[in-house]
Amino acid sequence: MSDNLERIDFEINYEALFQQVRNLVHNTCAECRSIGYYGEMVRCAQPGCHLNVHLSCVGLSAAPENGSWFCDKCQGCL
């Protein structure tokens, strides 16, 4: 074993890491599990529900004109 081990100091920017994870979660389709960059996405309008899906994964050709789309689970609670 070598006595020439060098200590490496580094800092973790937790805020930047949190933002990257948050962006990944918000850009992941709940239906196909792929990243949102492969098509336009819509988010459930129910407060507290963070479900994101590609429009094509839920059979939509365009985002709703009023901007409000509800996932199946939240639609059943309305």
C-alpha atoms as a PDB file:
ATOM      1  CA  MET A   1       0.000   0.000   0.000  1.00  0.00           C
ATOM      2  CA  SER A   2       1.220   3.439  -0.843  1.00  0.00           C
ATOM      3  CA  ASP A   3       1.696   6.218   1.671  1.00  0.00           C
ATOM      4  CA  ASN A   4       1.326   8.710  -1.162  1.00  0.00           C
ATOM      5  CA  LEU A   5      -2.432   8.949  -0.881  1.00  0.00           C
ATOM      6  CA  GLU A   6      -3.741  12.401  -1.594  1.00  0.00           C
ATOM      7  CA  ARG A   7      -6.862  13.798  -0.028  1.00  0.00           C
ATOM      8  CA  ILE A   8      -9.336  15.242  -2.464  1.00  0.00           C
ATOM      9  CA  ASP A   9     -11.618  17.914  -1.092  1.00  0.00           C
ATOM     10  CA  PHE A  10     -14.747  18.881  -2.923  1.00  0.00           C
ATOM     11  CA  GLU A  11     -17.964  20.592  -2.120  1.00  0.00           C
ATOM     12  CA  ILE A  12     -21.374  19.432  -3.179  1.00  0.00           C
ATOM     13  CA  ASN A  13     -23.720  22.156  -4.284  1.00  0.00           C
ATOM     14  CA  TYR A  14     -26.887  20.601  -2.897  1.00  0.00           C
ATOM     15  CA  GLU A  15     -29.124  23.335  -4.297  1.00  0.00           C
ATOM     16  CA  ALA A  16     -27.856  22.722  -7.844  1.00  0.00           C
ATOM     17  CA  LEU A  17     -28.130  18.955  -7.351  1.00  0.00           C
ATOM     18  CA  PHE A  18     -31.699  19.306  -6.063  1.00  0.00           C
ATOM     19  CA  GLN A  19     -32.590  21.478  -9.073  1.00  0.00           C
ATOM     20  CA  GLN A  20     -31.175  18.889 -11.495  1.00  0.00           C
ATOM     21  CA  VAL A  21     -33.135  16.071  -9.847  1.00  0.00           C
ATOM     22  CA  ARG A  22     -36.272  18.207  -9.791  1.00  0.00           C
ATOM     23  CA  ASN A  23     -35.906  19.010 -13.493  1.00  0.00           C
ATOM     24  CA  LEU A  24     -35.432  15.329 -14.281  1.00  0.00           C
ATOM     25  CA  VAL A  25     -38.546  14.358 -12.322  1.00  0.00           C
ATOM     26  CA  HIS A  26     -40.627  17.126 -13.909  1.00  0.00           C
ATOM     27  CA  ASN A  27     -39.475  16.086 -17.377  1.00  0.00           C
ATOM     28  CA  THR A  28     -40.112  12.355 -17.011  1.00  0.00           C
ATOM     29  CA  CYS A  29     -43.299  10.990 -18.534  1.00  0.00           C
ATOM     30  CA  ALA A  30     -45.358   8.968 -16.042  1.00  0.00           C
ATOM     31  CA  GLU A  31     -46.654   6.757 -18.866  1.00  0.00           C
ATOM     32  CA  CYS A  32     -43.567   5.810 -20.901  1.00  0.00           C
ATOM     33  CA  ARG A  33     -40.914   6.814 -18.321  1.00  0.00           C
ATOM     34  CA  SER A  34     -38.811   8.622 -20.916  1.00  0.00           C
ATOM     35  CA  ILE A  35     -37.498  12.131 -20.556  1.00  0.00           C
ATOM     36  CA  GLY A  36     -39.810  14.925 -21.676  1.00  0.00           C
ATOM     37  CA  TYR A  37     -37.485  16.195 -24.352  1.00  0.00           C
ATOM     38  CA  TYR A  38     -38.981  13.661 -26.779  1.00  0.00           C
ATOM     39  CA  GLY A  39     -42.309  15.427 -27.131  1.00  0.00           C
ATOM     40  CA  GLU A  40     -44.581  18.070 -25.689  1.00  0.00           C
ATOM     41  CA  MET A  41     -45.736  17.355 -22.159  1.00  0.00           C
ATOM     42  CA  VAL A  42     -48.693  18.295 -20.008  1.00  0.00           C
ATOM     43  CA  ARG A  43     -48.946  18.324 -16.211  1.00  0.00           C
ATOM     44  CA  CYS A  44     -51.994  17.459 -14.159  1.00  0.00           C
ATOM     45  CA  ALA A  45     -53.698  20.665 -13.007  1.00  0.00           C
ATOM     46  CA  GLN A  46     -54.844  19.191  -9.676  1.00  0.00           C
ATOM     47  CA  PRO A  47     -52.982  20.948  -6.832  1.00  0.00           C
ATOM     48  CA  GLY A  48     -50.557  18.517  -5.231  1.00  0.00           C
ATOM     49  CA  CYS A  49     -50.484  16.136  -8.207  1.00  0.00           C
ATOM     50  CA  HIS A  50     -47.209  16.328 -10.069  1.00  0.00           C
ATOM     51  CA  LEU A  51     -47.999  13.862 -12.837  1.00  0.00           C
ATOM     52  CA  ASN A  52     -46.371  14.765 -16.166  1.00  0.00           C
ATOM     53  CA  VAL A  53     -47.040  12.938 -19.419  1.00  0.00           C
ATOM     54  CA  HIS A  54     -46.327  13.305 -23.109  1.00  0.00           C
ATOM     55  CA  LEU A  55     -49.429  14.454 -24.947  1.00  0.00           C
ATOM     56  CA  SER A  56     -49.147  11.455 -27.262  1.00  0.00           C
ATOM     57  CA  CYS A  57     -48.971   9.039 -24.304  1.00  0.00           C
ATOM     58  CA  VAL A  58     -52.453  10.104 -23.162  1.00  0.00           C
ATOM     59  CA  GLY A  59     -53.980  10.358 -26.624  1.00  0.00           C
ATOM     60  CA  LEU A  60     -53.864  14.138 -26.987  1.00  0.00           C
ATOM     61  CA  SER A  61     -52.706  15.888 -30.148  1.00  0.00           C
ATOM     62  CA  ALA A  62     -52.458  19.287 -28.431  1.00  0.00           C
ATOM     63  CA  ALA A  63     -52.558  20.708 -24.934  1.00  0.00           C
ATOM     64  CA  PRO A  64     -56.073  21.637 -23.749  1.00  0.00           C
ATOM     65  CA  GLU A  65     -56.986  25.182 -24.799  1.00  0.00           C
ATOM     66  CA  ASN A  66     -57.943  26.184 -21.267  1.00  0.00           C
ATOM     67  CA  GLY A  67     -54.599  24.856 -20.024  1.00  0.00           C
ATOM     68  CA  SER A  68     -56.208  22.465 -17.553  1.00  0.00           C
ATOM     69  CA  TRP A  69     -55.625  18.749 -17.963  1.00  0.00           C
ATOM     70  CA  PHE A  70     -56.330  16.226 -15.192  1.00  0.00           C
ATOM     71  CA  CYS A  71     -54.852  12.736 -14.939  1.00  0.00           C
ATOM     72  CA  ASP A  72     -57.230   9.765 -14.655  1.00  0.00           C
ATOM     73  CA  LYS A  73     -56.788   9.544 -10.880  1.00  0.00           C
ATOM     74  CA  CYS A  74     -57.540  13.225 -10.281  1.00  0.00           C
ATOM     75  CA  GLN A  75     -60.325  13.298 -12.881  1.00  0.00           C
ATOM     76  CA  GLY A  76     -62.118  10.657 -10.798  1.00  0.00           C
ATOM     77  CA  CYS A  77     -61.900  12.904  -7.719  1.00  0.00           C
ATOM     78  CA  LEU A  78     -63.528  15.939  -9.339  1.00  0.00           C
END
